[in-house]
Protein backbone atom coordinates (compact mmCIF):
# COMPACT_ATOMS: atom_id res chain seq x y z
CA MET A 1 -134.32 -96.41 86.82
CA THR A 2 -132.27 -94.02 88.53
CA SER A 3 -128.35 -93.09 87.64
CA VAL A 4 -126.20 -92.30 90.83
CA THR A 5 -122.44 -91.39 90.66
CA ILE A 6 -120.86 -92.55 93.68
CA VAL A 7 -117.63 -90.42 94.82
CA ALA A 8 -115.64 -92.09 97.44
CA ASN A 9 -111.85 -92.79 98.54
CA ASP A 10 -112.10 -96.48 98.26
CA VAL A 11 -114.84 -98.81 97.55
CA GLY A 12 -114.01 -102.50 98.19
CA PRO A 13 -114.66 -105.20 101.11
CA ASN A 14 -112.20 -104.04 103.67
CA GLY A 15 -112.75 -101.23 105.82
CA GLY A 16 -115.76 -100.11 107.19
CA MET A 17 -116.74 -97.25 105.20
CA GLU A 18 -115.57 -99.31 101.98
CA ARG A 19 -117.52 -101.97 102.28
CA VAL A 20 -120.77 -99.98 103.48
CA LEU A 21 -120.12 -98.57 99.57
CA LEU A 22 -119.88 -101.83 98.19
CA GLU A 23 -123.11 -103.20 99.52
CA LEU A 24 -124.68 -100.22 98.57
CA ILE A 25 -123.62 -100.45 94.91
CA LYS A 26 -124.29 -103.91 94.45
CA GLY A 27 -127.92 -103.52 95.85
CA LEU A 28 -128.41 -100.74 93.26
CA ALA A 29 -126.91 -102.64 90.59
CA ALA A 30 -129.15 -105.70 90.98
CA ALA A 31 -132.07 -103.17 91.31
CA GLY A 32 -131.09 -102.24 87.90
CA ASP A 33 -129.97 -98.65 88.77
CA ARG A 34 -127.12 -97.10 86.69
CA VAL A 35 -124.06 -96.41 88.92
CA THR A 36 -120.95 -94.64 87.92
CA VAL A 37 -118.08 -95.04 90.69
CA ILE A 38 -115.38 -92.20 91.05
CA ALA A 39 -112.87 -93.27 93.75
CA ARG A 40 -109.27 -94.13 94.12
CA THR A 41 -109.41 -97.88 94.18
CA CYS A 42 -112.41 -100.08 93.61
CA ASP A 43 -112.76 -103.82 94.22
CA LEU A 44 -116.51 -104.46 93.18
CA GLN A 45 -116.04 -108.06 93.08
CA GLY A 46 -117.65 -108.54 89.58
CA ILE A 47 -120.26 -105.74 89.89
CA ASP A 48 -120.43 -104.46 86.23
CA VAL A 49 -120.68 -100.39 86.64
CA ALA A 50 -118.39 -97.74 85.08
CA PHE A 51 -115.63 -96.89 87.00
CA HIS A 52 -113.57 -93.69 86.66
CA ARG A 53 -109.99 -94.04 88.83
CA VAL A 54 -108.82 -90.84 90.64
CA PRO A 55 -104.62 -91.16 90.15
CA GLY A 56 -102.80 -90.21 92.95
CA PRO A 57 -100.54 -90.84 96.40
CA ARG A 58 -102.71 -92.65 99.30
CA ARG A 59 -100.67 -91.23 101.44
CA PRO A 60 -99.60 -88.64 103.67
CA PHE A 61 -103.20 -87.09 104.26
CA VAL A 62 -101.98 -84.05 104.10
CA VAL A 63 -100.68 -84.64 100.34
CA ALA A 64 -103.41 -87.34 99.48
CA TYR A 65 -106.74 -84.94 100.89
CA PRO A 66 -106.35 -81.86 98.70
CA TRP A 67 -104.93 -83.99 95.78
CA PHE A 68 -108.00 -86.46 95.51
CA PHE A 69 -110.30 -83.16 96.35
CA ILE A 70 -108.99 -81.63 93.28
CA ALA A 71 -108.65 -84.71 90.94
CA ALA A 72 -112.03 -86.21 91.66
CA GLY A 73 -113.50 -83.01 91.34
CA MET A 74 -112.39 -82.64 87.95
CA LEU A 75 -113.74 -86.34 87.24
CA VAL A 76 -117.02 -85.61 88.53
CA ARG A 77 -117.53 -82.55 86.13
CA ARG A 78 -116.16 -84.95 83.11
CA HIS A 79 -118.34 -88.00 84.37
CA ARG A 80 -121.18 -87.27 86.37
CA ASP A 81 -124.35 -89.24 85.67
CA GLY A 82 -127.57 -88.08 86.96
CA LEU A 83 -127.65 -87.75 90.94
CA VAL A 84 -124.17 -87.33 92.76
CA GLN A 85 -123.14 -88.99 96.21
CA ALA A 86 -120.11 -88.52 98.05
CA THR A 87 -118.64 -89.90 101.00
CA GLY A 88 -117.75 -86.94 103.35
CA ALA A 89 -116.15 -83.65 102.45
CA ILE A 90 -114.16 -85.06 99.49
CA VAL A 91 -114.99 -82.81 96.25
CA PRO A 92 -115.49 -79.23 95.77
CA ASN A 93 -118.69 -79.81 93.60
CA ARG A 94 -121.81 -79.10 94.29
CA VAL A 95 -123.40 -82.58 94.65
CA ASP A 96 -127.13 -83.89 95.34
CA ILE A 97 -126.00 -85.90 98.52
CA VAL A 98 -123.44 -86.41 101.18
CA SER A 99 -122.63 -89.37 102.97
CA VAL A 100 -121.14 -88.67 106.63
CA HIS A 101 -119.57 -91.77 108.12
CA PHE A 102 -117.60 -89.64 110.35
CA CYS A 103 -118.18 -85.58 111.92
CA HIS A 104 -114.51 -84.37 112.34
CA ARG A 105 -116.19 -81.39 114.51
CA GLY A 106 -118.09 -83.64 116.57
CA PHE A 107 -114.83 -85.66 117.18
CA GLN A 108 -112.73 -82.73 118.29
CA SER A 109 -115.58 -81.60 120.31
CA LYS A 110 -115.80 -84.88 122.33
CA GLY A 111 -111.82 -84.75 122.82
CA GLY A 112 -111.38 -87.98 120.44
CA GLY A 113 -107.41 -86.93 120.56
CA LEU A 114 -105.35 -87.94 117.88
CA ARG A 115 -106.13 -90.29 114.94
CA THR A 116 -102.63 -91.90 114.30
CA SER A 117 -101.39 -95.23 114.57
CA ARG A 118 -98.21 -94.32 116.01
CA GLY A 119 -97.10 -91.78 118.87
CA TRP A 120 -93.59 -90.68 117.41
CA PRO A 121 -93.57 -86.67 117.24
CA LEU A 122 -93.89 -86.52 113.67
CA PHE A 123 -96.94 -89.03 113.10
CA ARG A 124 -98.99 -87.04 115.91
CA LEU A 125 -97.90 -83.45 114.14
CA HIS A 126 -99.22 -85.17 111.01
CA ALA A 127 -102.29 -86.13 112.67
CA ARG A 128 -102.76 -82.62 113.82
CA ILE A 129 -102.85 -81.06 110.21
CA ALA A 130 -105.16 -83.77 108.95
CA ALA A 131 -107.50 -82.98 111.15
CA ALA A 132 -107.89 -79.29 110.59
CA MET A 133 -107.68 -79.87 107.31
CA SER A 134 -110.49 -82.43 107.52
CA ARG A 135 -112.46 -79.77 109.64
CA ILE A 136 -111.91 -77.10 106.97
CA GLY A 137 -113.28 -79.58 104.32
CA GLU A 138 -116.25 -79.92 105.89
CA SER A 139 -116.85 -75.87 106.54
CA PHE A 140 -116.35 -75.73 102.68
CA CYS A 141 -118.48 -78.96 101.81
CA TYR A 142 -121.49 -78.99 104.46
CA ARG A 143 -123.48 -75.81 103.00
CA PRO A 144 -126.32 -75.22 101.15
CA SER A 145 -124.67 -74.01 98.30
CA ARG A 146 -122.53 -77.40 98.18
CA VAL A 147 -125.02 -80.07 99.19
CA SER A 148 -128.79 -80.79 98.67
CA THR A 149 -129.13 -83.90 101.31
CA VAL A 150 -126.98 -84.89 103.80
CA VAL A 151 -126.87 -88.54 105.15
CA ALA A 152 -125.81 -89.34 108.50
CA VAL A 153 -125.43 -92.94 109.36
CA SER A 154 -126.76 -92.32 113.08
CA ARG A 155 -128.77 -90.03 115.11
CA GLY A 156 -125.50 -88.92 116.92
CA VAL A 157 -124.04 -87.96 113.88
CA ALA A 158 -127.01 -86.19 112.61
CA ASP A 159 -127.28 -83.88 115.97
CA GLU A 160 -123.15 -83.05 115.51
CA LEU A 161 -124.11 -82.17 111.66
CA ARG A 162 -127.13 -79.75 112.78
CA ALA A 163 -125.09 -78.51 116.05
CA TYR A 164 -121.96 -77.57 114.06
CA TYR A 165 -123.06 -77.13 110.44
CA PRO A 166 -126.37 -75.23 111.34
CA ALA A 167 -126.90 -74.03 107.73
CA ILE A 168 -127.90 -77.73 106.83
CA ALA A 169 -129.55 -78.62 109.62
CA ASP A 170 -132.91 -79.33 107.68
CA ALA A 171 -131.14 -80.90 104.76
CA VAL A 172 -129.97 -84.06 107.45
CA VAL A 173 -131.44 -86.92 107.05
CA VAL A 174 -130.63 -90.47 108.69
CA ILE A 175 -129.80 -93.85 107.40
CA PRO A 176 -127.78 -96.28 109.42
CA ASN A 177 -125.21 -99.13 108.39
CA GLY A 178 -126.28 -102.23 107.53
CA VAL A 179 -125.16 -106.12 107.71
CA ASP A 180 -125.22 -109.33 106.15
CA VAL A 181 -127.08 -111.34 108.90
CA ASP A 182 -126.54 -114.69 107.01
CA ARG A 183 -123.06 -114.23 106.58
CA PHE A 184 -122.48 -112.86 110.06
CA SER A 185 -124.48 -115.52 112.23
CA PRO A 186 -123.63 -117.84 114.97
CA SER A 187 -122.02 -121.20 114.14
CA ALA A 188 -120.96 -123.81 116.41
CA ASP A 189 -118.99 -125.72 113.94
CA GLY A 190 -117.53 -122.59 112.88
CA ARG A 191 -116.67 -121.87 116.35
CA ALA A 192 -115.03 -124.91 117.02
CA ASP A 193 -113.25 -124.69 113.97
CA THR A 194 -111.70 -121.33 114.45
CA ARG A 195 -111.06 -122.20 117.99
CA SER A 196 -109.35 -124.91 117.45
CA LYS A 197 -106.55 -123.24 114.70
CA LEU A 198 -106.23 -120.57 117.49
CA GLY A 199 -105.57 -123.11 120.40
CA LEU A 200 -108.51 -122.26 122.25
CA THR A 201 -110.71 -124.50 124.16
CA ASN A 202 -114.26 -124.51 123.41
CA ASP A 203 -115.20 -123.51 127.11
CA ALA A 204 -113.10 -120.72 127.22
CA LEU A 205 -114.29 -116.80 127.80
CA VAL A 206 -113.18 -115.12 124.67
CA ALA A 207 -113.64 -111.05 124.26
CA LEU A 208 -112.81 -109.83 120.91
CA PHE A 209 -111.85 -106.11 119.80
CA VAL A 210 -111.52 -105.52 116.24
CA GLY A 211 -110.19 -102.48 114.19
CA GLY A 212 -107.38 -100.16 113.81
CA ASP A 213 -107.15 -96.75 115.13
CA TRP A 214 -106.34 -98.25 118.41
CA GLU A 215 -105.66 -94.92 120.59
CA ARG A 216 -109.05 -93.80 119.72
CA LYS A 217 -110.87 -97.17 119.99
CA GLY A 218 -109.51 -97.51 123.57
CA LEU A 219 -107.42 -100.81 122.91
CA ALA A 220 -105.18 -99.91 125.92
CA VAL A 221 -107.98 -100.03 128.59
CA ALA A 222 -109.57 -103.24 127.07
CA ILE A 223 -105.87 -105.09 127.59
CA ASP A 224 -105.69 -103.43 130.93
CA ALA A 225 -108.97 -105.10 132.37
CA LEU A 226 -107.78 -108.22 131.46
CA ALA A 227 -105.67 -108.06 134.71
CA GLU A 228 -108.65 -107.64 137.07
CA SER A 229 -110.67 -110.67 134.72
CA PRO A 230 -108.23 -113.79 134.65
CA GLN A 231 -111.27 -115.62 133.26
CA TRP A 232 -111.01 -114.03 129.90
CA ILE A 233 -108.97 -114.10 126.78
CA LEU A 234 -108.86 -111.11 124.56
CA LEU A 235 -108.35 -111.58 120.52
CA ILE A 236 -107.23 -108.68 118.54
CA ALA A 237 -108.12 -108.27 114.98
CA GLY A 238 -106.37 -105.02 113.01
CA ALA A 239 -103.72 -103.25 112.37
CA GLY A 240 -101.93 -100.99 114.61
CA ASP A 241 -98.78 -100.43 116.69
CA GLN A 242 -98.45 -104.06 117.99
CA LYS A 243 -95.25 -103.50 119.41
CA HIS A 244 -96.27 -100.97 121.79
CA TYR A 245 -99.50 -102.94 122.71
CA VAL A 246 -97.71 -106.03 123.14
CA ALA A 247 -95.44 -104.39 125.63
CA ARG A 248 -98.80 -102.87 127.33
CA ALA A 249 -100.10 -106.41 127.90
CA LYS A 250 -96.65 -107.77 129.26
CA ARG A 251 -96.56 -105.08 131.68
CA SER A 252 -100.21 -105.76 132.78
CA GLY A 253 -99.30 -109.70 133.22
CA VAL A 254 -101.83 -110.54 130.57
CA ALA A 255 -99.65 -111.30 127.62
CA ASP A 256 -100.31 -115.16 127.73
CA ARG A 257 -104.10 -114.11 127.28
CA THR A 258 -103.83 -111.30 124.52
CA TYR A 259 -103.99 -113.04 120.96
CA PHE A 260 -102.68 -110.38 118.40
CA LEU A 261 -104.22 -111.67 114.78
CA GLY A 262 -103.34 -108.80 112.55
CA GLN A 263 -105.43 -107.75 109.76
CA VAL A 264 -108.04 -110.06 109.06
CA ALA A 265 -109.52 -110.60 105.45
CA ASP A 266 -112.76 -112.61 106.65
CA THR A 267 -113.50 -111.40 110.28
CA ALA A 268 -116.93 -113.55 110.26
CA PRO A 269 -114.98 -116.74 111.73
CA ILE A 270 -113.40 -114.52 114.44
CA PHE A 271 -116.85 -113.45 115.46
CA GLN A 272 -117.96 -116.94 115.83
CA ALA A 273 -115.17 -117.87 117.96
CA ALA A 274 -115.86 -115.03 120.27
CA ASP A 275 -118.39 -114.67 123.04
CA LEU A 276 -118.30 -110.74 123.06
CA LEU A 277 -117.28 -107.60 121.40
CA VAL A 278 -115.25 -104.88 123.70
CA LEU A 279 -115.04 -101.65 121.99
CA PRO A 280 -114.18 -98.82 124.35
CA THR A 281 -113.95 -96.03 122.03
CA ALA A 282 -113.73 -92.64 122.41
CA TYR A 283 -115.85 -91.60 119.20
CA GLU A 284 -117.53 -93.37 116.63
CA ALA A 285 -120.29 -92.69 113.70
CA ASP A 286 -122.21 -95.91 113.45
CA PRO A 287 -119.55 -98.81 113.70
CA LEU A 288 -119.80 -101.87 111.39
CA VAL A 289 -117.78 -104.02 113.80
CA ALA A 290 -120.39 -103.58 116.74
CA ILE A 291 -123.61 -104.25 114.24
CA GLU A 292 -121.58 -107.39 112.58
CA ALA A 293 -120.68 -108.77 116.21
CA ALA A 294 -124.55 -108.37 117.56
CA ALA A 295 -125.39 -110.21 114.45
CA GLY A 296 -123.14 -112.82 115.13
CA GLY A 297 -124.76 -113.52 118.33
CA LEU A 298 -122.23 -111.43 120.52
CA ALA A 299 -122.93 -109.49 123.42
CA VAL A 300 -121.60 -105.90 122.77
CA LEU A 301 -119.56 -103.97 125.69
CA ALA A 302 -118.88 -100.73 124.29
CA THR A 303 -119.10 -96.88 125.32
CA PRO A 304 -122.51 -94.96 124.32
CA VAL A 305 -120.99 -93.58 121.65
CA ASN A 306 -122.99 -92.55 117.98
CA GLY A 307 -124.45 -95.88 116.56
CA ILE A 308 -123.89 -97.80 119.78
CA VAL A 309 -126.87 -96.28 121.32
CA ASP A 310 -128.98 -96.73 118.17
CA LEU A 311 -128.03 -100.57 118.30
CA ILE A 312 -127.51 -101.70 121.77
CA GLN A 313 -129.84 -101.51 124.97
CA ASP A 314 -127.99 -101.38 127.92
CA SER A 315 -128.02 -104.71 129.97
CA VAL A 316 -130.37 -106.20 127.51
CA SER A 317 -128.35 -106.83 124.13
CA GLY A 318 -125.11 -105.46 125.83
CA CYS A 319 -123.65 -103.30 128.49
CA PHE A 320 -122.54 -99.66 128.20
CA ILE A 321 -118.99 -99.29 129.13
CA GLU A 322 -116.66 -96.38 130.54
CA ARG A 323 -113.62 -96.08 128.89
CA ASP A 324 -111.34 -97.47 131.59
CA ALA A 325 -110.47 -100.61 132.62
CA ALA A 326 -112.14 -100.69 135.96
CA SER A 327 -115.66 -100.22 134.29
CA ILE A 328 -114.71 -102.94 131.20
CA SER A 329 -113.61 -105.64 134.11
CA LEU A 330 -116.54 -105.00 136.51
CA HIS A 331 -118.83 -105.96 133.66
CA LEU A 332 -116.31 -108.98 132.25
CA GLN A 333 -116.39 -110.54 135.70
CA ARG A 334 -120.37 -110.11 135.97
CA LEU A 335 -120.68 -111.83 133.05
CA ALA A 336 -117.94 -114.41 133.60
CA SER A 337 -120.09 -116.04 136.71
CA ASP A 338 -123.36 -115.62 134.54
CA ARG A 339 -122.87 -117.16 131.29
CA GLN A 340 -126.68 -117.47 130.53
CA ALA A 341 -127.18 -113.69 130.99
CA LEU A 342 -124.09 -113.72 128.15
CA ALA A 343 -126.01 -115.74 126.05
CA ARG A 344 -129.37 -114.24 126.41
CA MET A 345 -127.36 -110.66 125.48
CA GLY A 346 -126.12 -112.29 122.41
CA ALA A 347 -129.69 -113.54 121.00
CA GLU A 348 -131.18 -109.92 121.87
CA ALA A 349 -128.51 -108.38 119.97
CA ARG A 350 -128.89 -110.49 117.24
CA SER A 351 -132.22 -109.70 116.66
CA ALA A 352 -131.64 -106.07 117.28
CA ALA A 353 -129.07 -106.31 114.11
CA ALA A 354 -131.36 -108.32 111.82
CA ALA A 355 -133.45 -105.45 111.29
CA ARG A 356 -130.18 -103.80 109.82
CA SER A 357 -130.13 -105.93 106.55
CA TRP A 358 -128.11 -104.32 103.84
CA ARG A 359 -131.70 -104.56 101.41
CA SER A 360 -133.21 -102.49 103.98
CA VAL A 361 -130.59 -99.64 103.51
CA VAL A 362 -130.11 -99.74 99.71
CA GLU A 363 -134.03 -99.43 99.53
CA LEU A 364 -133.84 -96.47 102.06
CA HIS A 365 -131.06 -95.19 99.83
CA ARG A 366 -133.32 -95.83 96.74
CA ALA A 367 -136.27 -93.93 98.17
CA LEU A 368 -134.29 -90.60 98.99
CA TYR A 369 -132.83 -90.69 95.35
CA ALA A 370 -136.57 -90.90 94.25
CA THR A 371 -137.34 -87.88 96.58
CA ILE A 372 -134.78 -85.68 95.41
CA ARG A 373 -135.53 -86.47 91.74
CA ALA A 374 -139.58 -85.65 92.26
């Protein structure tokens, strides 16, 4: 039995990083390991672990980040049990493992822009300060004196960590994110039911966009691409500046083919209703949405960013696109005229995702723990 203390901002079924942690903790507990969680919020859905809540504000980031850094650090000193695994640069303590789901230096180097849901000047100023604070936090935490092993969720993130934090280069390993292949699986009945609820016919061509941070993930160009792809409908699941993007859809003349679904608690039925995922993102680490879409039998149209290039084979299980409307519409038009190719890509994508079970992810972590303890 291994004792592990997981430190994170939030753990639960909503959000990418939050769900990854939930599945990891669930798997560790099922294997008989003793798990302690130190987090701001923790929805473990009945899993019996020791939980210590980090009190404090959730936002704005410029207040919440240093507050959590100090408060969580104090709780780690008091309640750490066995190995300590932090999720990113979030505590000042020396820890055994840091799991990196987003490299802020890597994001900056690739011109990722500002991570903000609003374009107002105050929001953009806050985003600039938040980005600088995140990079400072990484520089402090990603050092041999602060961490023994660094887990990157993709080869690309591993390369970024080795490039920007060379002192820990030899400590970096890769453990990718996983997926529940049974839950995220194609279903003819699920497809028909969800489409009926949305008022869509069964033969309509449906592209899906999932996630927040719409500017970084490229929702604008996804909407613009519809103007040259009249056969397609776009479903948008997630929260953002909906008023701004509805206006953009109207300007592009595609408002009648653009469906804003808002936050969706259970995305599995939405994947079943779609034919492909479109993700013209500027930066990712290992996007859970792409793995889940692939498991659901969807072709994945995405920019060749971190994680995507590990999962998708171009023109086999999806298509690598550029971050512009012309590139996206070209692929949409081609696939609209060749539905057999679209179906083949979806089947190949599901095969690729099948190797990413949560069980395998948990076992990779447990093997790492055993190595560190040896």
